[in-house]
PDB file of N, CA and C in Angstrom:
ATOM      1  N   UNK A   1      -8.987 -24.480 -16.921  1.00  0.00           N
ATOM      2  CA  UNK A   1      -9.587 -23.261 -17.003  1.00  0.00           C
ATOM      3  C   UNK A   1      -8.597 -22.642 -15.668  1.00  0.00           C
ATOM      4  N   UNK A   2      -8.185 -21.283 -16.128  1.00  0.00           N
ATOM      5  CA  UNK A   2      -7.619 -20.552 -15.517  1.00  0.00           C
ATOM      6  C   UNK A   2      -8.550 -19.745 -14.378  1.00  0.00           C
ATOM      7  N   UNK A   3      -8.285 -19.608 -13.012  1.00  0.00           N
ATOM      8  CA  UNK A   3      -9.085 -19.290 -11.656  1.00  0.00           C
ATOM      9  C   UNK A   3      -8.564 -18.847 -10.691  1.00  0.00           C
ATOM     10  N   UNK A   4      -9.285 -17.858  -9.905  1.00  0.00           N
ATOM     11  CA  UNK A   4      -8.996 -17.548  -8.485  1.00  0.00           C
ATOM     12  C   UNK A   4      -8.875 -18.787  -7.675  1.00  0.00           C
ATOM     13  N   UNK A   5      -7.621 -18.908  -7.007  1.00  0.00           N
ATOM     14  CA  UNK A   5      -7.702 -19.772  -5.940  1.00  0.00           C
ATOM     15  C   UNK A   5      -7.768 -19.040  -4.504  1.00  0.00           C
ATOM     16  N   UNK A   6      -7.250 -17.806  -4.015  1.00  0.00           N
ATOM     17  CA  UNK A   6      -7.387 -16.992  -3.280  1.00  0.00           C
ATOM     18  C   UNK A   6      -7.711 -15.786  -3.144  1.00  0.00           C
ATOM     19  N   UNK A   7      -7.949 -14.638  -2.411  1.00  0.00           N
ATOM     20  CA  UNK A   7      -8.905 -13.357  -2.667  1.00  0.00           C
ATOM     21  C   UNK A   7      -8.839 -12.968  -1.436  1.00  0.00           C
ATOM     22  N   UNK A   8      -8.231 -11.424  -1.200  1.00  0.00           N
ATOM     23  CA  UNK A   8      -8.305 -10.700  -0.142  1.00  0.00           C
ATOM     24  C   UNK A   8      -8.162  -9.684  -0.540  1.00  0.00           C
ATOM     25  N   UNK A   9      -9.023  -8.921  -0.340  1.00  0.00           N
ATOM     26  CA  UNK A   9      -8.649  -6.976  -0.100  1.00  0.00           C
ATOM     27  C   UNK A   9      -9.409  -6.307   0.807  1.00  0.00           C
ATOM     28  N   UNK A  10      -8.591  -5.870   1.639  1.00  0.00           N
ATOM     29  CA  UNK A  10      -9.307  -5.242   3.059  1.00  0.00           C
ATOM     30  C   UNK A  10      -8.005  -4.075   3.390  1.00  0.00           C
ATOM     31  N   UNK A  11      -8.066  -4.101   4.792  1.00  0.00           N
ATOM     32  CA  UNK A  11      -7.380  -2.761   5.580  1.00  0.00           C
ATOM     33  C   UNK A  11      -5.798  -3.305   5.675  1.00  0.00           C
ATOM     34  N   UNK A  12      -5.982  -4.956   5.714  1.00  0.00           N
ATOM     35  CA  UNK A  12      -4.842  -5.730   6.432  1.00  0.00           C
ATOM     36  C   UNK A  12      -4.044  -6.355   5.005  1.00  0.00           C
ATOM     37  N   UNK A  13      -5.110  -7.066   4.063  1.00  0.00           N
ATOM     38  CA  UNK A  13      -4.412  -7.914   3.125  1.00  0.00           C
ATOM     39  C   UNK A  13      -4.809  -7.117   1.550  1.00  0.00           C
ATOM     40  N   UNK A  14      -4.199  -7.219   0.621  1.00  0.00           N
ATOM     41  CA  UNK A  14      -4.659  -7.034  -0.632  1.00  0.00           C
ATOM     42  C   UNK A  14      -3.498  -8.068  -1.353  1.00  0.00           C
ATOM     43  N   UNK A  15      -4.164  -9.093  -2.007  1.00  0.00           N
ATOM     44  CA  UNK A  15      -3.274 -10.193  -2.718  1.00  0.00           C
ATOM     45  C   UNK A  15      -4.643 -11.140  -3.511  1.00  0.00           C
ATOM     46  N   UNK A  16      -4.061 -11.729  -4.237  1.00  0.00           N
ATOM     47  CA  UNK A  16      -4.929 -12.613  -5.262  1.00  0.00           C
ATOM     48  C   UNK A  16      -4.095 -14.065  -5.742  1.00  0.00           C
ATOM     49  N   UNK A  17      -4.258 -14.927  -5.718  1.00  0.00           N
ATOM     50  CA  UNK A  17      -3.674 -16.125  -6.322  1.00  0.00           C
ATOM     51  C   UNK A  17      -4.383 -16.551  -7.337  1.00  0.00           C
ATOM     52  N   UNK A  18      -3.872 -16.984  -8.040  1.00  0.00           N
ATOM     53  CA  UNK A  18      -4.337 -17.398  -9.423  1.00  0.00           C
ATOM     54  C   UNK A  18      -3.861 -18.588 -10.158  1.00  0.00           C
ATOM     55  N   UNK A  19      -4.664 -19.376 -10.774  1.00  0.00           N
ATOM     56  CA  UNK A  19      -3.926 -20.944 -11.212  1.00  0.00           C
ATOM     57  C   UNK A  19      -4.266 -20.984 -12.572  1.00  0.00           C
ATOM     58  N   UNK A  20      -3.093 -21.070 -13.362  1.00  0.00           N
ATOM     59  CA  UNK A  20      -3.283 -21.111 -14.588  1.00  0.00           C
ATOM     60  C   UNK A  20      -4.044 -22.296 -15.290  1.00  0.00           C
ATOM     61  N   UNK A  21      -4.276 -22.465 -16.472  1.00  0.00           N
ATOM     62  CA  UNK A  21      -4.613 -23.891 -17.080  1.00  0.00           C
ATOM     63  C   UNK A  21      -3.553 -24.752 -16.923  1.00  0.00           C
ATOM     64  N   UNK A  22      -2.095 -24.561 -17.163  1.00  0.00           N
ATOM     65  CA  UNK A  22      -1.121 -25.184 -16.523  1.00  0.00           C
ATOM     66  C   UNK A  22      -0.855 -26.019 -15.200  1.00  0.00           C
ATOM     67  N   UNK A  23      -1.631 -25.473 -14.476  1.00  0.00           N
ATOM     68  CA  UNK A  23      -1.406 -25.742 -12.810  1.00  0.00           C
ATOM     69  C   UNK A  23      -0.588 -25.016 -12.604  1.00  0.00           C
ATOM     70  N   UNK A  24      -0.067 -23.887 -12.805  1.00  0.00           N
ATOM     71  CA  UNK A  24       1.183 -23.370 -12.327  1.00  0.00           C
ATOM     72  C   UNK A  24       0.110 -21.776 -12.099  1.00  0.00           C
ATOM     73  N   UNK A  25       1.172 -21.546 -10.703  1.00  0.00           N
ATOM     74  CA  UNK A  25       0.264 -20.626 -10.085  1.00  0.00           C
ATOM     75  C   UNK A  25       1.028 -19.632  -9.480  1.00  0.00           C
ATOM     76  N   UNK A  26       0.653 -18.140  -9.652  1.00  0.00           N
ATOM     77  CA  UNK A  26       0.998 -17.062  -9.020  1.00  0.00           C
ATOM     78  C   UNK A  26       0.354 -16.126  -8.059  1.00  0.00           C
ATOM     79  N   UNK A  27       0.980 -15.490  -7.385  1.00  0.00           N
ATOM     80  CA  UNK A  27       0.204 -14.284  -6.397  1.00  0.00           C
ATOM     81  C   UNK A  27       0.355 -13.309  -6.727  1.00  0.00           C
ATOM     82  N   UNK A  28      -0.362 -12.094  -6.721  1.00  0.00           N
ATOM     83  CA  UNK A  28      -0.759 -10.719  -6.984  1.00  0.00           C
ATOM     84  C   UNK A  28      -0.429 -10.038  -5.506  1.00  0.00           C
ATOM     85  N   UNK A  29       0.411  -9.577  -5.271  1.00  0.00           N
ATOM     86  CA  UNK A  29       0.212  -8.683  -4.154  1.00  0.00           C
ATOM     87  C   UNK A  29       0.436  -7.075  -4.382  1.00  0.00           C
ATOM     88  N   UNK A  30      -0.513  -6.400  -3.443  1.00  0.00           N
ATOM     89  CA  UNK A  30      -0.264  -5.298  -3.544  1.00  0.00           C
ATOM     90  C   UNK A  30       0.155  -4.395  -2.056  1.00  0.00           C
ATOM     91  N   UNK A  31       1.008  -3.877  -1.920  1.00  0.00           N
ATOM     92  CA  UNK A  31       1.187  -3.062  -0.427  1.00  0.00           C
ATOM     93  C   UNK A  31       0.869  -1.770  -0.282  1.00  0.00           C
ATOM     94  N   UNK A  32       0.748  -1.146   0.483  1.00  0.00           N
ATOM     95  CA  UNK A  32       1.092   0.381   0.716  1.00  0.00           C
ATOM     96  C   UNK A  32       1.958   1.404   1.224  1.00  0.00           C
ATOM     97  N   UNK A  33       2.217   2.527   1.576  1.00  0.00           N
ATOM     98  CA  UNK A  33       2.933   3.156   1.739  1.00  0.00           C
ATOM     99  C   UNK A  33       3.561   2.531   3.010  1.00  0.00           C
ATOM    100  N   UNK A  34       4.750   3.095   3.238  1.00  0.00           N
ATOM    101  CA  UNK A  34       6.016   3.451   2.547  1.00  0.00           C
ATOM    102  C   UNK A  34       6.879   2.583   1.431  1.00  0.00           C
ATOM    103  N   UNK A  35       6.601   1.257   1.353  1.00  0.00           N
ATOM    104  CA  UNK A  35       7.097   0.847   0.326  1.00  0.00           C
ATOM    105  C   UNK A  35       5.609   0.046  -0.469  1.00  0.00           C
ATOM    106  N   UNK A  36       5.304   1.104  -1.156  1.00  0.00           N
ATOM    107  CA  UNK A  36       4.180   0.992  -2.146  1.00  0.00           C
ATOM    108  C   UNK A  36       4.888  -0.140  -3.238  1.00  0.00           C
ATOM    109  N   UNK A  37       3.945  -1.199  -3.886  1.00  0.00           N
ATOM    110  CA  UNK A  37       4.158  -1.783  -4.836  1.00  0.00           C
ATOM    111  C   UNK A  37       3.227  -2.592  -4.990  1.00  0.00           C
ATOM    112  N   UNK A  38       3.577  -2.887  -6.421  1.00  0.00           N
ATOM    113  CA  UNK A  38       2.656  -4.198  -7.044  1.00  0.00           C
ATOM    114  C   UNK A  38       3.810  -5.400  -7.590  1.00  0.00           C
ATOM    115  N   UNK A  39       3.303  -6.727  -6.557  1.00  0.00           N
ATOM    116  CA  UNK A  39       4.242  -7.887  -7.018  1.00  0.00           C
ATOM    117  C   UNK A  39       3.674  -9.184  -7.689  1.00  0.00           C
ATOM    118  N   UNK A  40       4.192  -9.780  -8.721  1.00  0.00           N
ATOM    119  CA  UNK A  40       3.680 -11.116  -8.931  1.00  0.00           C
ATOM    120  C   UNK A  40       4.590 -11.645  -9.135  1.00  0.00           C
ATOM    121  N   UNK A  41       4.264 -12.937  -7.936  1.00  0.00           N
ATOM    122  CA  UNK A  41       5.166 -13.950  -7.820  1.00  0.00           C
ATOM    123  C   UNK A  41       4.638 -15.476  -8.607  1.00  0.00           C
ATOM    124  N   UNK A  42       5.655 -15.884  -8.723  1.00  0.00           N
ATOM    125  CA  UNK A  42       5.532 -17.566  -9.151  1.00  0.00           C
ATOM    126  C   UNK A  42       5.807 -18.331  -7.807  1.00  0.00           C
ATOM    127  N   UNK A  43       4.817 -19.328  -7.862  1.00  0.00           N
ATOM    128  CA  UNK A  43       4.633 -19.878  -6.687  1.00  0.00           C
ATOM    129  C   UNK A  43       4.483 -21.495  -7.053  1.00  0.00           C
ATOM    130  N   UNK A  44       5.176 -22.066  -5.868  1.00  0.00           N
ATOM    131  CA  UNK A  44       5.593 -23.711  -5.940  1.00  0.00           C
ATOM    132  C   UNK A  44       5.112 -24.338  -4.937  1.00  0.00           C
ATOM    133  N   UNK A  45       4.580 -25.929  -4.875  1.00  0.00           N
ATOM    134  CA  UNK A  45       4.453 -26.408  -3.932  1.00  0.00           C
ATOM    135  C   UNK A  45       2.882 -26.113  -3.245  1.00  0.00           C
ATOM    136  N   UNK A  46       1.830 -26.106  -4.356  1.00  0.00           N
ATOM    137  CA  UNK A  46       0.526 -26.136  -4.119  1.00  0.00           C
ATOM    138  C   UNK A  46       0.361 -24.715  -3.734  1.00  0.00           C
ATOM    139  N   UNK A  47       1.074 -23.848  -4.359  1.00  0.00           N
ATOM    140  CA  UNK A  47       0.957 -22.285  -4.185  1.00  0.00           C
ATOM    141  C   UNK A  47       1.183 -21.606  -2.980  1.00  0.00           C
ATOM    142  N   UNK A  48       2.281 -22.373  -2.591  1.00  0.00           N
ATOM    143  CA  UNK A  48       2.622 -22.255  -0.754  1.00  0.00           C
ATOM    144  C   UNK A  48       3.925 -21.532  -0.674  1.00  0.00           C
ATOM    145  N   UNK A  49       4.851 -21.427  -1.645  1.00  0.00           N
ATOM    146  CA  UNK A  49       5.909 -20.749  -1.570  1.00  0.00           C
ATOM    147  C   UNK A  49       6.276 -19.991  -2.815  1.00  0.00           C
ATOM    148  N   UNK A  50       6.393 -18.487  -2.776  1.00  0.00           N
ATOM    149  CA  UNK A  50       7.202 -17.963  -4.073  1.00  0.00           C
ATOM    150  C   UNK A  50       8.520 -18.199  -3.921  1.00  0.00           C
ATOM    151  N   UNK A  51       8.889 -18.586  -5.378  1.00  0.00           N
ATOM    152  CA  UNK A  51      10.311 -18.660  -5.987  1.00  0.00           C
ATOM    153  C   UNK A  51      11.079 -17.493  -6.812  1.00  0.00           C
ATOM    154  N   UNK A  52      10.141 -16.766  -7.739  1.00  0.00           N
ATOM    155  CA  UNK A  52      10.683 -15.841  -7.834  1.00  0.00           C
ATOM    156  C   UNK A  52       9.294 -14.534  -8.355  1.00  0.00           C
ATOM    157  N   UNK A  53      10.205 -13.265  -8.614  1.00  0.00           N
ATOM    158  CA  UNK A  53       9.038 -12.576  -9.031  1.00  0.00           C
ATOM    159  C   UNK A  53       9.214 -12.423 -10.407  1.00  0.00           C
ATOM    160  N   UNK A  54       7.894 -12.737 -11.071  1.00  0.00           N
ATOM    161  CA  UNK A  54       7.864 -12.420 -12.406  1.00  0.00           C
ATOM    162  C   UNK A  54       7.471 -10.777 -12.885  1.00  0.00           C
ATOM    163  N   UNK A  55       6.952 -10.052 -12.275  1.00  0.00           N
ATOM    164  CA  UNK A  55       6.583  -8.758 -12.789  1.00  0.00           C
ATOM    165  C   UNK A  55       6.475  -8.069 -11.488  1.00  0.00           C
ATOM    166  N   UNK A  56       6.899  -6.860 -11.737  1.00  0.00           N
ATOM    167  CA  UNK A  56       6.888  -5.791 -10.333  1.00  0.00           C
ATOM    168  C   UNK A  56       7.039  -4.604 -11.059  1.00  0.00           C
ATOM    169  N   UNK A  57       5.965  -3.667  -9.674  1.00  0.00           N
ATOM    170  CA  UNK A  57       5.997  -1.966 -10.030  1.00  0.00           C
ATOM    171  C   UNK A  57       5.847  -1.441  -8.957  1.00  0.00           C
ATOM    172  N   UNK A  58       6.729  -0.468  -8.423  1.00  0.00           N
ATOM    173  CA  UNK A  58       7.241   0.393  -7.219  1.00  0.00           C
ATOM    174  C   UNK A  58       7.001   1.461  -7.087  1.00  0.00           C
ATOM    175  N   UNK A  59       6.763   2.291  -5.851  1.00  0.00           N
ATOM    176  CA  UNK A  59       6.879   3.866  -6.102  1.00  0.00           C
ATOM    177  C   UNK A  59       8.434   4.338  -6.420  1.00  0.00           C
ATOM    178  N   UNK A  60       9.245   3.255  -5.827  1.00  0.00           N
ATOM    179  CA  UNK A  60      10.857   3.036  -5.913  1.00  0.00           C
ATOM    180  C   UNK A  60      11.302   3.282  -7.399  1.00  0.00           C
ATOM    181  N   UNK A  61      10.074   2.224  -8.253  1.00  0.00           N
ATOM    182  CA  UNK A  61      10.730   2.178  -9.550  1.00  0.00           C
ATOM    183  C   UNK A  61       9.881   3.407 -10.540  1.00  0.00           C
ATOM    184  N   UNK A  62       8.793   3.799  -9.822  1.00  0.00           N
ATOM    185  CA  UNK A  62       8.696   5.105 -10.427  1.00  0.00           C
ATOM    186  C   UNK A  62       8.776   6.587 -10.277  1.00  0.00           C
ATOM    187  N   UNK A  63       9.702   6.532  -9.136  1.00  0.00           N
ATOM    188  CA  UNK A  63      10.219   7.670  -8.760  1.00  0.00           C
ATOM    189  C   UNK A  63       9.439   8.564  -7.842  1.00  0.00           C
ATOM    190  N   UNK A  64       8.849   7.670  -6.636  1.00  0.00           N
ATOM    191  CA  UNK A  64       7.856   8.388  -5.710  1.00  0.00           C
ATOM    192  C   UNK A  64       6.608   7.872  -5.529  1.00  0.00           C
ATOM    193  N   UNK A  65       5.915   7.801  -4.482  1.00  0.00           N
ATOM    194  CA  UNK A  65       4.487   7.630  -4.584  1.00  0.00           C
ATOM    195  C   UNK A  65       3.631   8.374  -5.543  1.00  0.00           C
ATOM    196  N   UNK A  66       3.424   9.535  -5.730  1.00  0.00           N
ATOM    197  CA  UNK A  66       2.377  10.262  -6.571  1.00  0.00           C
ATOM    198  C   UNK A  66       2.792   9.350  -8.203  1.00  0.00           C
ATOM    199  N   UNK A  67       4.137   9.359  -8.342  1.00  0.00           N
ATOM    200  CA  UNK A  67       4.185   9.049  -9.996  1.00  0.00           C
ATOM    201  C   UNK A  67       3.847   7.173 -10.012  1.00  0.00           C
ATOM    202  N   UNK A  68       4.043   6.342  -8.810  1.00  0.00           N
ATOM    203  CA  UNK A  68       3.535   5.212  -9.034  1.00  0.00           C
ATOM    204  C   UNK A  68       1.783   5.466  -9.275  1.00  0.00           C
ATOM    205  N   UNK A  69       1.109   5.803  -8.497  1.00  0.00           N
ATOM    206  CA  UNK A  69      -0.095   6.149  -8.600  1.00  0.00           C
ATOM    207  C   UNK A  69      -0.601   6.392  -9.757  1.00  0.00           C
ATOM    208  N   UNK A  70       0.149   7.722 -10.157  1.00  0.00           N
ATOM    209  CA  UNK A  70       0.084   8.023 -12.031  1.00  0.00           C
ATOM    210  C   UNK A  70       0.394   6.706 -12.790  1.00  0.00           C
ATOM    211  N   UNK A  71       1.479   5.953 -12.605  1.00  0.00           N
ATOM    212  CA  UNK A  71       1.696   5.059 -13.588  1.00  0.00           C
ATOM    213  C   UNK A  71       0.422   3.698 -13.454  1.00  0.00           C
ATOM    214  N   UNK A  72       0.284   3.347 -12.339  1.00  0.00           N
ATOM    215  CA  UNK A  72      -1.044   2.510 -12.009  1.00  0.00           C
ATOM    216  C   UNK A  72      -2.080   3.081 -12.685  1.00  0.00           C
ATOM    217  N   UNK A  73      -2.449   4.596 -12.562  1.00  0.00           N
ATOM    218  CA  UNK A  73      -3.715   4.712 -13.282  1.00  0.00           C
ATOM    219  C   UNK A  73      -3.587   4.701 -14.853  1.00  0.00           C
ATOM    220  N   UNK A  74      -2.466   4.901 -14.996  1.00  0.00           N
ATOM    221  CA  UNK A  74      -2.201   4.350 -17.273  1.00  0.00           C
ATOM    222  C   UNK A  74      -2.316   3.440 -17.155  1.00  0.00           C
ATOM    223  N   UNK A  75      -1.564   2.483 -16.503  1.00  0.00           N
ATOM    224  CA  UNK A  75      -1.793   0.725 -16.818  1.00  0.00           C
ATOM    225  C   UNK A  75      -3.079  -0.018 -16.307  1.00  0.00           C
ATOM    226  N   UNK A  76      -3.606   0.722 -15.550  1.00  0.00           N
ATOM    227  CA  UNK A  76      -4.860   0.094 -15.016  1.00  0.00           C
ATOM    228  C   UNK A  76      -5.903   0.953 -14.987  1.00  0.00           C
ATOM    229  N   UNK A  77      -6.576   1.421 -16.025  1.00  0.00           N
ATOM    230  CA  UNK A  77      -7.415   2.807 -16.157  1.00  0.00           C
ATOM    231  C   UNK A  77      -9.050   2.530 -15.512  1.00  0.00           C
ATOM    232  N   UNK A  78      -9.110   1.465 -15.716  1.00  0.00           N
ATOM    233  CA  UNK A  78     -10.613   0.908 -15.127  1.00  0.00           C
ATOM    234  C   UNK A  78     -10.488   1.787 -13.603  1.00  0.00           C
ATOM    235  N   UNK A  79     -11.876   1.640 -13.460  1.00  0.00           N
ATOM    236  CA  UNK A  79     -12.236   2.061 -11.922  1.00  0.00           C
ATOM    237  C   UNK A  79     -12.263   1.512 -11.068  1.00  0.00           C
ATOM    238  N   UNK A  80     -12.367   0.277 -11.388  1.00  0.00           N
ATOM    239  CA  UNK A  80     -11.676  -0.771 -10.197  1.00  0.00           C
ATOM    240  C   UNK A  80     -10.540  -0.888  -9.638  1.00  0.00           C
ATOM    241  N   UNK A  81     -10.399  -1.604  -7.916  1.00  0.00           N
ATOM    242  CA  UNK A  81      -9.005  -1.695  -7.525  1.00  0.00           C
ATOM    243  C   UNK A  81      -8.049  -2.063  -8.801  1.00  0.00           C
ATOM    244  N   UNK A  82      -6.701  -1.540  -8.421  1.00  0.00           N
ATOM    245  CA  UNK A  82      -5.943  -2.438  -9.155  1.00  0.00           C
ATOM    246  C   UNK A  82      -5.864  -3.781  -9.493  1.00  0.00           C
ATOM    247  N   UNK A  83      -5.885  -4.004  -8.068  1.00  0.00           N
ATOM    248  CA  UNK A  83      -5.796  -5.904  -7.741  1.00  0.00           C
ATOM    249  C   UNK A  83      -7.330  -6.703  -8.482  1.00  0.00           C
ATOM    250  N   UNK A  84      -8.309  -5.828  -8.850  1.00  0.00           N
ATOM    251  CA  UNK A  84      -9.487  -6.467  -9.252  1.00  0.00           C
ATOM    252  C   UNK A  84      -9.218  -6.461 -10.667  1.00  0.00           C
ATOM    253  N   UNK A  85      -8.476  -5.207 -11.257  1.00  0.00           N
ATOM    254  CA  UNK A  85      -8.049  -5.271 -12.651  1.00  0.00           C
ATOM    255  C   UNK A  85      -6.944  -5.913 -13.085  1.00  0.00           C
ATOM    256  N   UNK A  86      -6.128  -6.218 -12.484  1.00  0.00           N
ATOM    257  CA  UNK A  86      -5.151  -6.953 -12.740  1.00  0.00           C
ATOM    258  C   UNK A  86      -5.702  -8.720 -12.969  1.00  0.00           C
ATOM    259  N   UNK A  87      -6.452  -8.999 -12.015  1.00  0.00           N
ATOM    260  CA  UNK A  87      -6.835 -10.249 -11.776  1.00  0.00           C
ATOM    261  C   UNK A  87      -7.725 -10.197 -13.213  1.00  0.00           C
ATOM    262  N   UNK A  88      -8.710  -9.574 -13.248  1.00  0.00           N
ATOM    263  CA  UNK A  88      -9.676  -9.920 -14.394  1.00  0.00           C
ATOM    264  C   UNK A  88      -8.509  -9.955 -15.448  1.00  0.00           C
ATOM    265  N   UNK A  89      -7.704  -9.058 -15.707  1.00  0.00           N
ATOM    266  CA  UNK A  89      -7.127  -9.194 -17.078  1.00  0.00           C
ATOM    267  C   UNK A  89      -6.202 -10.202 -17.215  1.00  0.00           C
ATOM    268  N   UNK A  90      -5.804 -10.834 -15.838  1.00  0.00           N
ATOM    269  CA  UNK A  90      -4.922 -12.527 -16.368  1.00  0.00           C
ATOM    270  C   UNK A  90      -5.473 -13.719 -16.105  1.00  0.00           C
ATOM    271  N   UNK A  91      -7.064 -13.342 -15.722  1.00  0.00           N
ATOM    272  CA  UNK A  91      -7.741 -14.701 -15.661  1.00  0.00           C
ATOM    273  C   UNK A  91      -8.188 -14.877 -17.199  1.00  0.00           C
ATOM    274  N   UNK A  92      -7.661 -13.837 -17.993  1.00  0.00           N
ATOM    275  CA  UNK A  92      -8.016 -14.535 -19.591  1.00  0.00           C
ATOM    276  C   UNK A  92      -7.029 -15.088 -20.309  1.00  0.00           C
ATOM    277  N   UNK A  93      -5.671 -15.371 -19.521  1.00  0.00           N
ATOM    278  CA  UNK A  93      -4.755 -15.698 -19.689  1.00  0.00           C
ATOM    279  C   UNK A  93      -4.352 -17.457 -19.712  1.00  0.00           C
ATOM    280  N   UNK A  94      -3.402 -17.908 -20.450  1.00  0.00           N
ATOM    281  CA  UNK A  94      -3.392 -19.473 -19.931  1.00  0.00           C
ATOM    282  C   UNK A  94      -1.782 -20.075 -19.163  1.00  0.00           C
ATOM    283  N   UNK A  95      -1.069 -18.935 -19.095  1.00  0.00           N
ATOM    284  CA  UNK A  95       0.066 -19.032 -18.328  1.00  0.00           C
ATOM    285  C   UNK A  95       0.836 -18.435 -18.109  1.00  0.00           C
ATOM    286  N   UNK A  96       2.186 -18.742 -17.327  1.00  0.00           N
ATOM    287  CA  UNK A  96       2.551 -17.684 -16.485  1.00  0.00           C
ATOM    288  C   UNK A  96       3.414 -16.269 -17.330  1.00  0.00           C
ATOM    289  N   UNK A  97       3.972 -17.274 -18.219  1.00  0.00           N
ATOM    290  CA  UNK A  97       4.788 -16.585 -19.209  1.00  0.00           C
ATOM    291  C   UNK A  97       3.756 -15.165 -19.930  1.00  0.00           C
ATOM    292  N   UNK A  98       3.177 -15.634 -20.512  1.00  0.00           N
ATOM    293  CA  UNK A  98       1.698 -14.674 -20.984  1.00  0.00           C
ATOM    294  C   UNK A  98       1.039 -13.883 -20.130  1.00  0.00           C
ATOM    295  N   UNK A  99       1.422 -14.319 -18.992  1.00  0.00           N
ATOM    296  CA  UNK A  99       0.978 -13.184 -17.475  1.00  0.00           C
ATOM    297  C   UNK A  99       1.977 -11.986 -17.520  1.00  0.00           C
ATOM    298  N   UNK A 100       3.644 -12.331 -17.403  1.00  0.00           N
ATOM    299  CA  UNK A 100       4.340 -11.649 -17.347  1.00  0.00           C
ATOM    300  C   UNK A 100       4.470 -10.751 -18.610  1.00  0.00           C
ATOM    301  N   UNK A 101       4.660 -11.586 -20.093  1.00  0.00           N
ATOM    302  CA  UNK A 101       4.582 -10.699 -21.186  1.00  0.00           C
ATOM    303  C   UNK A 101       3.491  -9.600 -21.250  1.00  0.00           C
ATOM    304  N   UNK A 102       2.614  -9.955 -20.924  1.00  0.00           N
ATOM    305  CA  UNK A 102       1.055  -9.146 -20.773  1.00  0.00           C
ATOM    306  C   UNK A 102       1.299  -7.775 -19.948  1.00  0.00           C
ATOM    307  N   UNK A 103       1.731  -8.010 -18.547  1.00  0.00           N
ATOM    308  CA  UNK A 103       2.067  -7.279 -17.486  1.00  0.00           C
ATOM    309  C   UNK A 103       3.148  -6.456 -18.571  1.00  0.00           C
ATOM    310  N   UNK A 104       4.482  -6.479 -18.701  1.00  0.00           N
ATOM    311  CA  UNK A 104       5.219  -5.972 -18.945  1.00  0.00           C
ATOM    312  C   UNK A 104       4.726  -5.335 -20.490  1.00  0.00           C
ATOM    313  N   UNK A 105       4.161  -5.982 -21.149  1.00  0.00           N
ATOM    314  CA  UNK A 105       3.892  -4.514 -22.367  1.00  0.00           C
ATOM    315  C   UNK A 105       2.902  -3.838 -21.659  1.00  0.00           C
ATOM    316  N   UNK A 106       1.865  -3.792 -21.098  1.00  0.00           N
ATOM    317  CA  UNK A 106       1.428  -2.797 -20.593  1.00  0.00           C
ATOM    318  C   UNK A 106       2.377  -1.991 -19.641  1.00  0.00           C
ATOM    319  N   UNK A 107       2.900  -2.179 -19.343  1.00  0.00           N
ATOM    320  CA  UNK A 107       3.760  -1.213 -18.558  1.00  0.00           C
ATOM    321  C   UNK A 107       4.562  -0.616 -19.490  1.00  0.00           C
ATOM    322  N   UNK A 108       5.124  -1.150 -20.520  1.00  0.00           N
ATOM    323  CA  UNK A 108       5.784  -0.343 -21.819  1.00  0.00           C
ATOM    324  C   UNK A 108       5.081   0.543 -22.643  1.00  0.00           C
ATOM    325  N   UNK A 109       3.720   0.213 -22.609  1.00  0.00           N
ATOM    326  CA  UNK A 109       3.090   1.220 -23.457  1.00  0.00           C
ATOM    327  C   UNK A 109       2.636   2.177 -22.666  1.00  0.00           C
ATOM    328  N   UNK A 110       2.619   2.160 -21.242  1.00  0.00           N
ATOM    329  CA  UNK A 110       1.868   3.137 -20.415  1.00  0.00           C
ATOM    330  C   UNK A 110       2.563   4.435 -20.599  1.00  0.00           C
ATOM    331  N   UNK A 111       3.687   4.396 -20.169  1.00  0.00           N
ATOM    332  CA  UNK A 111       4.561   5.512 -20.282  1.00  0.00           C
ATOM    333  C   UNK A 111       6.354   4.651 -20.205  1.00  0.00           C
ATOM    334  N   UNK A 112       6.647   4.400 -21.427  1.00  0.00           N
ATOM    335  CA  UNK A 112       8.049   3.773 -21.696  1.00  0.00           C
ATOM    336  C   UNK A 112       9.413   4.756 -20.710  1.00  0.00           C
ATOM    337  N   UNK A 113       9.420   5.739 -20.952  1.00  0.00           N
ATOM    338  CA  UNK A 113      10.856   6.604 -20.528  1.00  0.00           C
ATOM    339  C   UNK A 113      10.420   6.978 -19.085  1.00  0.00           C
ATOM    340  N   UNK A 114       8.672   6.807 -18.191  1.00  0.00           N
ATOM    341  CA  UNK A 114       8.546   7.299 -16.944  1.00  0.00           C
ATOM    342  C   UNK A 114       8.502   5.900 -16.049  1.00  0.00           C
ATOM    343  N   UNK A 115       8.306   4.793 -16.644  1.00  0.00           N
ATOM    344  CA  UNK A 115       8.728   4.004 -15.771  1.00  0.00           C
ATOM    345  C   UNK A 115       9.252   2.709 -16.085  1.00  0.00           C
ATOM    346  N   UNK A 116      10.196   2.345 -14.636  1.00  0.00           N
ATOM    347  CA  UNK A 116      11.225   1.664 -14.928  1.00  0.00           C
ATOM    348  C   UNK A 116      10.688   0.197 -15.373  1.00  0.00           C
ATOM    349  N   UNK A 117      11.744  -0.212 -16.148  1.00  0.00           N
ATOM    350  CA  UNK A 117      11.093  -1.643 -16.412  1.00  0.00           C
ATOM    351  C   UNK A 117      11.731  -2.537 -15.456  1.00  0.00           C
ATOM    352  N   UNK A 118      10.889  -3.467 -14.922  1.00  0.00           N
ATOM    353  CA  UNK A 118      11.468  -4.711 -14.407  1.00  0.00           C
ATOM    354  C   UNK A 118      13.163  -5.552 -14.934  1.00  0.00           C
ATOM    355  N   UNK A 119      13.739  -5.683 -14.345  1.00  0.00           N
ATOM    356  CA  UNK A 119      14.917  -6.484 -14.431  1.00  0.00           C
ATOM    357  C   UNK A 119      14.283  -8.167 -14.643  1.00  0.00           C
TER     358      UNK A 119
END
């Protein structure tokens, strides 16, 4: 069963680690200005080492901080914090591939011409 392994949301940290049904883990991390971004990494070795980014959305990709915030509101419209919304959505999935495809899909639907696609 997909579950939360670690979670922190305070003035210094904003992250959540999820373990999927297949035992693979991801780390969702949200950073604030000046390099505001949401990144989701695949983790290895008991969730200790990030090996690559599976999805990212940043102020730089969006064209500035205001556009970044607007894009997050379009992708994650629940009144919750984006970390909680992303966590809750991914807990219903069973693999990293499903998580990546889901996040890319909502990014594409939010505003395809305005929100850059992660390469």
